[in-house]
PDB file of all heavy atoms in Angstrom:
ATOM      1  N   ASP A   1       5.736 -98.019  26.580  1.00  0.00           N
ATOM      2  CA  ASP A   1       5.286 -96.655  26.305  1.00  0.00           C
ATOM      3  C   ASP A   1       6.301 -95.890  25.471  1.00  0.00           C
ATOM      4  O   ASP A   1       7.423 -96.353  25.210  1.00  0.00           O
ATOM      5  CB  ASP A   1       4.969 -95.907  27.601  1.00  0.00           C
ATOM      6  CG  ASP A   1       6.176 -95.705  28.504  1.00  0.00           C
ATOM      7  OD1 ASP A   1       7.322 -95.743  28.018  1.00  0.00           O
ATOM      8  OD2 ASP A   1       5.967 -95.509  29.723  1.00  0.00           O
ATOM      9  N   SER A   2       5.905 -94.686  25.036  1.00  0.00           N
ATOM     10  CA  SER A   2       6.725 -93.890  24.115  1.00  0.00           C
ATOM     11  C   SER A   2       8.035 -93.445  24.756  1.00  0.00           C
ATOM     12  O   SER A   2       9.069 -93.350  24.073  1.00  0.00           O
ATOM     13  CB  SER A   2       5.944 -92.669  23.630  1.00  0.00           C
ATOM     14  OG  SER A   2       5.518 -91.870  24.721  1.00  0.00           O
ATOM     15  N   THR A   3       8.020 -93.188  26.069  1.00  0.00           N
ATOM     16  CA  THR A   3       9.248 -92.758  26.737  1.00  0.00           C
ATOM     17  C   THR A   3      10.309 -93.853  26.676  1.00  0.00           C
ATOM     18  O   THR A   3      11.480 -93.589  26.348  1.00  0.00           O
ATOM     19  CB  THR A   3       8.951 -92.404  28.206  1.00  0.00           C
ATOM     20  OG1 THR A   3       8.011 -91.334  28.260  1.00  0.00           O
ATOM     21  CG2 THR A   3      10.232 -91.997  28.929  1.00  0.00           C
ATOM     22  N   GLU A   4       9.916 -95.076  26.974  1.00  0.00           N
ATOM     23  CA  GLU A   4      10.877 -96.178  26.956  1.00  0.00           C
ATOM     24  C   GLU A   4      11.375 -96.455  25.545  1.00  0.00           C
ATOM     25  O   GLU A   4      12.567 -96.746  25.335  1.00  0.00           O
ATOM     26  CB  GLU A   4      10.239 -97.430  27.559  1.00  0.00           C
ATOM     27  CG  GLU A   4      11.259 -98.535  27.855  1.00  0.00           C
ATOM     28  CD  GLU A   4      10.670 -99.642  28.693  1.00  0.00           C
ATOM     29  OE1 GLU A   4       9.531 -99.490  29.177  1.00  0.00           O
ATOM     30  OE2 GLU A   4      11.360-100.662  28.874  1.00  0.00           O
ATOM     31  N   ILE A   5      10.479 -96.351  24.572  1.00  0.00           N
ATOM     32  CA  ILE A   5      10.893 -96.549  23.174  1.00  0.00           C
ATOM     33  C   ILE A   5      11.924 -95.501  22.787  1.00  0.00           C
ATOM     34  O   ILE A   5      12.953 -95.810  22.166  1.00  0.00           O
ATOM     35  CB  ILE A   5       9.671 -96.471  22.242  1.00  0.00           C
ATOM     36  CG1 ILE A   5       8.740 -97.648  22.479  1.00  0.00           C
ATOM     37  CG2 ILE A   5      10.118 -96.441  20.766  1.00  0.00           C
ATOM     38  CD1 ILE A   5       7.415 -97.544  21.753  1.00  0.00           C
ATOM     39  N   GLY A   6      11.673 -94.258  23.166  1.00  0.00           N
ATOM     40  CA  GLY A   6      12.621 -93.188  22.847  1.00  0.00           C
ATOM     41  C   GLY A   6      13.970 -93.402  23.499  1.00  0.00           C
ATOM     42  O   GLY A   6      15.024 -93.158  22.870  1.00  0.00           O
ATOM     43  N   LEU A   7      13.968 -93.876  24.743  1.00  0.00           N
ATOM     44  CA  LEU A   7      15.231 -94.118  25.432  1.00  0.00           C
ATOM     45  C   LEU A   7      16.019 -95.254  24.777  1.00  0.00           C
ATOM     46  O   LEU A   7      17.250 -95.184  24.638  1.00  0.00           O
ATOM     47  CB  LEU A   7      14.964 -94.439  26.907  1.00  0.00           C
ATOM     48  CG  LEU A   7      14.460 -93.269  27.763  1.00  0.00           C
ATOM     49  CD1 LEU A   7      14.061 -93.759  29.150  1.00  0.00           C
ATOM     50  CD2 LEU A   7      15.523 -92.183  27.849  1.00  0.00           C
ATOM     51  N   VAL A   8      15.308 -96.317  24.367  1.00  0.00           N
ATOM     52  CA  VAL A   8      15.969 -97.434  23.692  1.00  0.00           C
ATOM     53  C   VAL A   8      16.584 -96.968  22.381  1.00  0.00           C
ATOM     54  O   VAL A   8      17.744 -97.290  22.052  1.00  0.00           O
ATOM     55  CB  VAL A   8      14.975 -98.590  23.442  1.00  0.00           C
ATOM     56  CG1 VAL A   8      15.599 -99.642  22.525  1.00  0.00           C
ATOM     57  CG2 VAL A   8      14.558 -99.214  24.768  1.00  0.00           C
ATOM     58  N   ALA A   9      15.831 -96.186  21.615  1.00  0.00           N
ATOM     59  CA  ALA A   9      16.325 -95.698  20.333  1.00  0.00           C
ATOM     60  C   ALA A   9      17.521 -94.772  20.527  1.00  0.00           C
ATOM     61  O   ALA A   9      18.533 -94.873  19.803  1.00  0.00           O
ATOM     62  CB  ALA A   9      15.208 -94.974  19.586  1.00  0.00           C
ATOM     63  N   ALA A  10      17.448 -93.893  21.508  1.00  0.00           N
ATOM     64  CA  ALA A  10      18.556 -92.961  21.752  1.00  0.00           C
ATOM     65  C   ALA A  10      19.810 -93.704  22.183  1.00  0.00           C
ATOM     66  O   ALA A  10      20.932 -93.385  21.745  1.00  0.00           O
ATOM     67  CB  ALA A  10      18.142 -91.948  22.824  1.00  0.00           C
ATOM     68  N   GLY A  11      19.633 -94.730  23.037  1.00  0.00           N
ATOM     69  CA  GLY A  11      20.787 -95.496  23.496  1.00  0.00           C
ATOM     70  C   GLY A  11      21.486 -96.235  22.376  1.00  0.00           C
ATOM     71  O   GLY A  11      22.701 -96.481  22.452  1.00  0.00           O
ATOM     72  N   ALA A  12      20.727 -96.590  21.338  1.00  0.00           N
ATOM     73  CA  ALA A  12      21.320 -97.316  20.205  1.00  0.00           C
ATOM     74  C   ALA A  12      21.686 -96.391  19.061  1.00  0.00           C
ATOM     75  O   ALA A  12      22.144 -96.869  18.007  1.00  0.00           O
ATOM     76  CB  ALA A  12      20.329 -98.376  19.712  1.00  0.00           C
ATOM     77  N   GLY A  13      21.486 -95.092  19.234  1.00  0.00           N
ATOM     78  CA  GLY A  13      21.822 -94.141  18.176  1.00  0.00           C
ATOM     79  C   GLY A  13      20.906 -94.239  16.966  1.00  0.00           C
ATOM     80  O   GLY A  13      21.307 -93.919  15.851  1.00  0.00           O
ATOM     81  N   ILE A  14      19.653 -94.643  17.196  1.00  0.00           N
ATOM     82  CA  ILE A  14      18.689 -94.793  16.100  1.00  0.00           C
ATOM     83  C   ILE A  14      17.838 -93.528  16.013  1.00  0.00           C
ATOM     84  O   ILE A  14      17.163 -93.163  16.973  1.00  0.00           O
ATOM     85  CB  ILE A  14      17.778 -96.020  16.321  1.00  0.00           C
ATOM     86  CG1 ILE A  14      18.608 -97.302  16.318  1.00  0.00           C
ATOM     87  CG2 ILE A  14      16.682 -96.082  15.264  1.00  0.00           C
ATOM     88  CD1 ILE A  14      17.797 -98.545  16.645  1.00  0.00           C
ATOM     89  N   PRO A  15      17.874 -92.830  14.873  1.00  0.00           N
ATOM     90  CA  PRO A  15      17.065 -91.618  14.732  1.00  0.00           C
ATOM     91  C   PRO A  15      15.578 -91.972  14.576  1.00  0.00           C
ATOM     92  O   PRO A  15      15.232 -92.943  13.906  1.00  0.00           O
ATOM     93  CB  PRO A  15      17.605 -90.981  13.449  1.00  0.00           C
ATOM     94  CG  PRO A  15      18.139 -92.120  12.655  1.00  0.00           C
ATOM     95  CD  PRO A  15      18.665 -93.123  13.658  1.00  0.00           C
ATOM     96  N   LEU A  16      14.736 -91.174  15.204  1.00  0.00           N
ATOM     97  CA  LEU A  16      13.292 -91.363  15.098  1.00  0.00           C
ATOM     98  C   LEU A  16      12.692 -90.191  14.346  1.00  0.00           C
ATOM     99  O   LEU A  16      12.899 -89.031  14.710  1.00  0.00           O
ATOM    100  CB  LEU A  16      12.652 -91.460  16.481  1.00  0.00           C
ATOM    101  CG  LEU A  16      13.103 -92.625  17.380  1.00  0.00           C
ATOM    102  CD1 LEU A  16      12.356 -92.576  18.705  1.00  0.00           C
ATOM    103  CD2 LEU A  16      12.884 -93.959  16.682  1.00  0.00           C
ATOM    104  N   VAL A  17      11.954 -90.495  13.314  1.00  0.00           N
ATOM    105  CA  VAL A  17      11.247 -89.471  12.555  1.00  0.00           C
ATOM    106  C   VAL A  17       9.903 -89.159  13.206  1.00  0.00           C
ATOM    107  O   VAL A  17       9.408 -88.032  13.160  1.00  0.00           O
ATOM    108  CB  VAL A  17      11.046 -89.928  11.089  1.00  0.00           C
ATOM    109  CG1 VAL A  17      10.273 -88.886  10.289  1.00  0.00           C
ATOM    110  CG2 VAL A  17      12.387 -90.217  10.439  1.00  0.00           C
ATOM    111  N   GLU A  18       9.312 -90.170  13.854  1.00  0.00           N
ATOM    112  CA  GLU A  18       8.019 -89.988  14.521  1.00  0.00           C
ATOM    113  C   GLU A  18       7.927 -90.920  15.720  1.00  0.00           C
ATOM    114  O   GLU A  18       8.362 -92.068  15.662  1.00  0.00           O
ATOM    115  CB  GLU A  18       6.863 -90.268  13.560  1.00  0.00           C
ATOM    116  CG  GLU A  18       5.486 -90.068  14.172  1.00  0.00           C
ATOM    117  CD  GLU A  18       4.360 -90.311  13.193  1.00  0.00           C
ATOM    118  OE1 GLU A  18       4.645 -90.636  12.023  1.00  0.00           O
ATOM    119  OE2 GLU A  18       3.178 -90.173  13.592  1.00  0.00           O
ATOM    120  N   LEU A  19       7.362 -90.382  16.807  1.00  0.00           N
ATOM    121  CA  LEU A  19       7.121 -91.182  18.015  1.00  0.00           C
ATOM    122  C   LEU A  19       5.813 -90.665  18.623  1.00  0.00           C
ATOM    123  O   LEU A  19       5.807 -89.667  19.333  1.00  0.00           O
ATOM    124  CB  LEU A  19       8.281 -91.026  18.998  1.00  0.00           C
ATOM    125  CG  LEU A  19       8.198 -91.845  20.303  1.00  0.00           C
ATOM    126  CD1 LEU A  19       8.224 -93.338  20.018  1.00  0.00           C
ATOM    127  CD2 LEU A  19       9.344 -91.457  21.244  1.00  0.00           C
ATOM    128  N   THR A  20       4.715 -91.337  18.316  1.00  0.00           N
ATOM    129  CA  THR A  20       3.394 -90.807  18.635  1.00  0.00           C
ATOM    130  C   THR A  20       2.527 -91.824  19.372  1.00  0.00           C
ATOM    131  O   THR A  20       2.146 -92.847  18.772  1.00  0.00           O
ATOM    132  CB  THR A  20       2.650 -90.379  17.348  1.00  0.00           C
ATOM    133  OG1 THR A  20       3.485 -89.532  16.563  1.00  0.00           O
ATOM    134  CG2 THR A  20       1.357 -89.664  17.698  1.00  0.00           C
ATOM    135  N   PRO A  21       2.207 -91.560  20.643  1.00  0.00           N
ATOM    136  CA  PRO A  21       1.221 -92.418  21.316  1.00  0.00           C
ATOM    137  C   PRO A  21      -0.125 -92.280  20.613  1.00  0.00           C
ATOM    138  O   PRO A  21      -0.526 -91.179  20.209  1.00  0.00           O
ATOM    139  CB  PRO A  21       1.154 -91.839  22.734  1.00  0.00           C
ATOM    140  CG  PRO A  21       2.415 -91.049  22.895  1.00  0.00           C
ATOM    141  CD  PRO A  21       2.746 -90.528  21.538  1.00  0.00           C
ATOM    142  N   GLN A  22      -0.834 -93.377  20.436  1.00  0.00           N
ATOM    143  CA  GLN A  22      -2.112 -93.372  19.729  1.00  0.00           C
ATOM    144  C   GLN A  22      -3.248 -93.170  20.721  1.00  0.00           C
ATOM    145  O   GLN A  22      -3.441 -93.997  21.618  1.00  0.00           O
ATOM    146  CB  GLN A  22      -2.300 -94.683  18.967  1.00  0.00           C
ATOM    147  CG  GLN A  22      -1.218 -94.950  17.924  1.00  0.00           C
ATOM    148  CD  GLN A  22      -1.206 -93.883  16.829  1.00  0.00           C
ATOM    149  OE1 GLN A  22      -2.097 -93.830  15.984  1.00  0.00           O
ATOM    150  NE2 GLN A  22      -0.191 -93.046  16.851  1.00  0.00           N
ATOM    151  N   HIS A  23      -3.982 -92.072  20.547  1.00  0.00           N
ATOM    152  CA  HIS A  23      -5.102 -91.759  21.425  1.00  0.00           C
ATOM    153  C   HIS A  23      -6.408 -91.857  20.645  1.00  0.00           C
ATOM    154  O   HIS A  23      -6.486 -91.437  19.488  1.00  0.00           O
ATOM    155  CB  HIS A  23      -4.971 -90.347  22.002  1.00  0.00           C
ATOM    156  CG  HIS A  23      -3.751 -90.155  22.849  1.00  0.00           C
ATOM    157  ND1 HIS A  23      -3.542 -90.848  24.023  1.00  0.00           N
ATOM    158  CD2 HIS A  23      -2.666 -89.352  22.689  1.00  0.00           C
ATOM    159  CE1 HIS A  23      -2.387 -90.470  24.563  1.00  0.00           C
ATOM    160  NE2 HIS A  23      -1.837 -89.574  23.768  1.00  0.00           N
ATOM    161  N   ALA A  24      -7.426 -92.370  21.295  1.00  0.00           N
ATOM    162  CA  ALA A  24      -8.744 -92.430  20.667  1.00  0.00           C
ATOM    163  C   ALA A  24      -9.324 -91.022  20.578  1.00  0.00           C
ATOM    164  O   ALA A  24      -9.082 -90.166  21.429  1.00  0.00           O
ATOM    165  CB  ALA A  24      -9.675 -93.315  21.487  1.00  0.00           C
ATOM    166  N   SER A  25     -10.076 -90.758  19.520  1.00  0.00           N
ATOM    167  CA  SER A  25     -10.824 -89.510  19.435  1.00  0.00           C
ATOM    168  C   SER A  25     -12.010 -89.589  20.382  1.00  0.00           C
ATOM    169  O   SER A  25     -12.380 -90.674  20.858  1.00  0.00           O
ATOM    170  CB  SER A  25     -11.315 -89.282  18.004  1.00  0.00           C
ATOM    171  OG  SER A  25     -12.294 -90.262  17.663  1.00  0.00           O
ATOM    172  N   LEU A  26     -12.628 -88.437  20.662  1.00  0.00           N
ATOM    173  CA  LEU A  26     -13.809 -88.457  21.526  1.00  0.00           C
ATOM    174  C   LEU A  26     -14.917 -89.286  20.888  1.00  0.00           C
ATOM    175  O   LEU A  26     -15.643 -89.999  21.586  1.00  0.00           O
ATOM    176  CB  LEU A  26     -14.292 -87.035  21.794  1.00  0.00           C
ATOM    177  CG  LEU A  26     -15.526 -86.916  22.694  1.00  0.00           C
ATOM    178  CD1 LEU A  26     -15.297 -87.586  24.041  1.00  0.00           C
ATOM    179  CD2 LEU A  26     -15.920 -85.455  22.879  1.00  0.00           C
ATOM    180  N   GLU A  27     -15.043 -89.216  19.576  1.00  0.00           N
ATOM    181  CA  GLU A  27     -16.066 -90.010  18.902  1.00  0.00           C
ATOM    182  C   GLU A  27     -15.821 -91.504  19.105  1.00  0.00           C
ATOM    183  O   GLU A  27     -16.753 -92.265  19.398  1.00  0.00           O
ATOM    184  CB  GLU A  27     -16.087 -89.693  17.405  1.00  0.00           C
ATOM    185  CG  GLU A  27     -17.152 -90.456  16.644  1.00  0.00           C
ATOM    186  CD  GLU A  27     -17.223 -90.065  15.178  1.00  0.00           C
ATOM    187  OE1 GLU A  27     -16.226 -89.525  14.653  1.00  0.00           O
ATOM    188  OE2 GLU A  27     -18.262 -90.307  14.563  1.00  0.00           O
ATOM    189  N   GLU A  28     -14.566 -91.933  18.962  1.00  0.00           N
ATOM    190  CA  GLU A  28     -14.246 -93.343  19.174  1.00  0.00           C
ATOM    191  C   GLU A  28     -14.501 -93.743  20.624  1.00  0.00           C
ATOM    192  O   GLU A  28     -15.028 -94.833  20.893  1.00  0.00           O
ATOM    193  CB  GLU A  28     -12.779 -93.596  18.805  1.00  0.00           C
ATOM    194  CG  GLU A  28     -12.501 -93.491  17.309  1.00  0.00           C
ATOM    195  CD  GLU A  28     -11.013 -93.502  17.003  1.00  0.00           C
ATOM    196  OE1 GLU A  28     -10.221 -93.021  17.844  1.00  0.00           O
ATOM    197  OE2 GLU A  28     -10.644 -93.979  15.915  1.00  0.00           O
ATOM    198  N   ALA A  29     -14.130 -92.859  21.562  1.00  0.00           N
ATOM    199  CA  ALA A  29     -14.352 -93.159  22.971  1.00  0.00           C
ATOM    200  C   ALA A  29     -15.844 -93.242  23.283  1.00  0.00           C
ATOM    201  O   ALA A  29     -16.294 -94.130  24.016  1.00  0.00           O
ATOM    202  CB  ALA A  29     -13.687 -92.092  23.840  1.00  0.00           C
ATOM    203  N   PHE A  30     -16.615 -92.325  22.722  1.00  0.00           N
ATOM    204  CA  PHE A  30     -18.056 -92.328  22.937  1.00  0.00           C
ATOM    205  C   PHE A  30     -18.686 -93.616  22.406  1.00  0.00           C
ATOM    206  O   PHE A  30     -19.519 -94.232  23.071  1.00  0.00           O
ATOM    207  CB  PHE A  30     -18.679 -91.114  22.251  1.00  0.00           C
ATOM    208  CG  PHE A  30     -20.186 -91.119  22.236  1.00  0.00           C
ATOM    209  CD1 PHE A  30     -20.903 -90.790  23.372  1.00  0.00           C
ATOM    210  CD2 PHE A  30     -20.886 -91.450  21.085  1.00  0.00           C
ATOM    211  CE1 PHE A  30     -22.290 -90.796  23.365  1.00  0.00           C
ATOM    212  CE2 PHE A  30     -22.262 -91.465  21.064  1.00  0.00           C
ATOM    213  CZ  PHE A  30     -22.972 -91.132  22.207  1.00  0.00           C
ATOM    214  N   MET A  31     -18.280 -94.023  21.221  1.00  0.00           N
ATOM    215  CA  MET A  31     -18.830 -95.244  20.639  1.00  0.00           C
ATOM    216  C   MET A  31     -18.482 -96.464  21.488  1.00  0.00           C
ATOM    217  O   MET A  31     -19.301 -97.381  21.656  1.00  0.00           O
ATOM    218  CB  MET A  31     -18.311 -95.426  19.215  1.00  0.00           C
ATOM    219  CG  MET A  31     -18.761 -94.345  18.242  1.00  0.00           C
ATOM    220  SD  MET A  31     -20.552 -94.264  18.056  1.00  0.00           S
ATOM    221  CE  MET A  31     -20.851 -95.796  17.188  1.00  0.00           C
ATOM    222  N   GLU A  32     -17.277 -96.462  22.057  1.00  0.00           N
ATOM    223  CA  GLU A  32     -16.859 -97.579  22.899  1.00  0.00           C
ATOM    224  C   GLU A  32     -17.656 -97.603  24.207  1.00  0.00           C
ATOM    225  O   GLU A  32     -18.132 -98.653  24.649  1.00  0.00           O
ATOM    226  CB  GLU A  32     -15.360 -97.469  23.203  1.00  0.00           C
ATOM    227  CG  GLU A  32     -14.820 -98.534  24.139  1.00  0.00           C
ATOM    228  CD  GLU A  32     -14.890 -99.945  23.553  1.00  0.00           C
ATOM    229  OE1 GLU A  32     -14.947-100.080  22.310  1.00  0.00           O
ATOM    230  OE2 GLU A  32     -14.902-100.900  24.343  1.00  0.00           O
ATOM    231  N   VAL A  33     -17.827 -96.424  24.807  1.00  0.00           N
ATOM    232  CA  VAL A  33     -18.517 -96.339  26.093  1.00  0.00           C
ATOM    233  C   VAL A  33     -19.990 -96.706  25.959  1.00  0.00           C
ATOM    234  O   VAL A  33     -20.564 -97.370  26.826  1.00  0.00           O
ATOM    235  CB  VAL A  33     -18.370 -94.920  26.681  1.00  0.00           C
ATOM    236  CG1 VAL A  33     -19.302 -94.719  27.874  1.00  0.00           C
ATOM    237  CG2 VAL A  33     -16.934 -94.670  27.104  1.00  0.00           C
ATOM    238  N   THR A  34     -20.626 -96.268  24.863  1.00  0.00           N
ATOM    239  CA  THR A  34     -22.070 -96.464  24.718  1.00  0.00           C
ATOM    240  C   THR A  34     -22.426 -97.692  23.889  1.00  0.00           C
ATOM    241  O   THR A  34     -23.609 -97.976  23.682  1.00  0.00           O
ATOM    242  CB  THR A  34     -22.715 -95.229  24.059  1.00  0.00           C
ATOM    243  OG1 THR A  34     -22.150 -95.028  22.747  1.00  0.00           O
ATOM    244  CG2 THR A  34     -22.485 -93.987  24.906  1.00  0.00           C
ATOM    245  N   ARG A  35     -21.437 -98.434  23.453  1.00  0.00           N
ATOM    246  CA  ARG A  35     -21.669 -99.571  22.545  1.00  0.00           C
ATOM    247  C   ARG A  35     -22.701-100.538  23.095  1.00  0.00           C
ATOM    248  O   ARG A  35     -23.624-100.955  22.396  1.00  0.00           O
ATOM    249  CB  ARG A  35     -20.341-100.302  22.292  1.00  0.00           C
ATOM    250  CG  ARG A  35     -20.451-101.609  21.516  1.00  0.00           C
ATOM    251  CD  ARG A  35     -19.060-102.136  21.182  1.00  0.00           C
ATOM    252  NE  ARG A  35     -18.185-102.140  22.336  1.00  0.00           N
ATOM    253  CZ  ARG A  35     -18.114-103.121  23.224  1.00  0.00           C
ATOM    254  NH1 ARG A  35     -18.877-104.188  23.085  1.00  0.00           N
ATOM    255  NH2 ARG A  35     -17.281-103.064  24.249  1.00  0.00           N
ATOM    256  N   ASP A  36     -22.589-100.894  24.352  1.00  0.00           N
ATOM    257  CA  ASP A  36     -23.495-101.865  24.943  1.00  0.00           C
ATOM    258  C   ASP A  36     -24.757-101.233  25.521  1.00  0.00           C
ATOM    259  O   ASP A  36     -25.604-101.936  26.074  1.00  0.00           O
ATOM    260  CB  ASP A  36     -22.779-102.650  26.046  1.00  0.00           C
ATOM    261  CG  ASP A  36     -21.668-103.524  25.486  1.00  0.00           C
ATOM    262  OD1 ASP A  36     -21.800-103.956  24.328  1.00  0.00           O
ATOM    263  OD2 ASP A  36     -20.689-103.759  26.205  1.00  0.00           O
ATOM    264  N   ALA A  37     -24.861 -99.902  25.432  1.00  0.00           N
ATOM    265  CA  ALA A  37     -26.039 -99.227  25.971  1.00  0.00           C
ATOM    266  C   ALA A  37     -27.041 -98.877  24.882  1.00  0.00           C
ATOM    267  O   ALA A  37     -28.068 -98.277  25.160  1.00  0.00           O
ATOM    268  CB  ALA A  37     -25.627 -97.957  26.706  1.00  0.00           C
ATOM    269  N   VAL A  38     -26.740 -99.235  23.647  1.00  0.00           N
ATOM    270  CA  VAL A  38     -27.627 -98.907  22.542  1.00  0.00           C
ATOM    271  C   VAL A  38     -28.640 -99.999  22.317  1.00  0.00           C
ATOM    272  O   VAL A  38     -29.833 -99.776  22.168  1.00  0.00           O
ATOM    273  CB  VAL A  38     -26.820 -98.648  21.256  1.00  0.00           C
ATOM    274  CG1 VAL A  38     -27.759 -98.359  20.092  1.00  0.00           C
ATOM    275  CG2 VAL A  38     -25.867 -97.484  21.454  1.00  0.00           C
TER     276      VAL A  38
END
């Protein structure tokens, strides 16, 4: 997860420009949930 990645980077003195967990949009989630119901 992002917390562990950040801790590893901080411990090694590696600067992070971006650290973003990837979340599905509601549209993507809806398509996944209803995929087999169509």
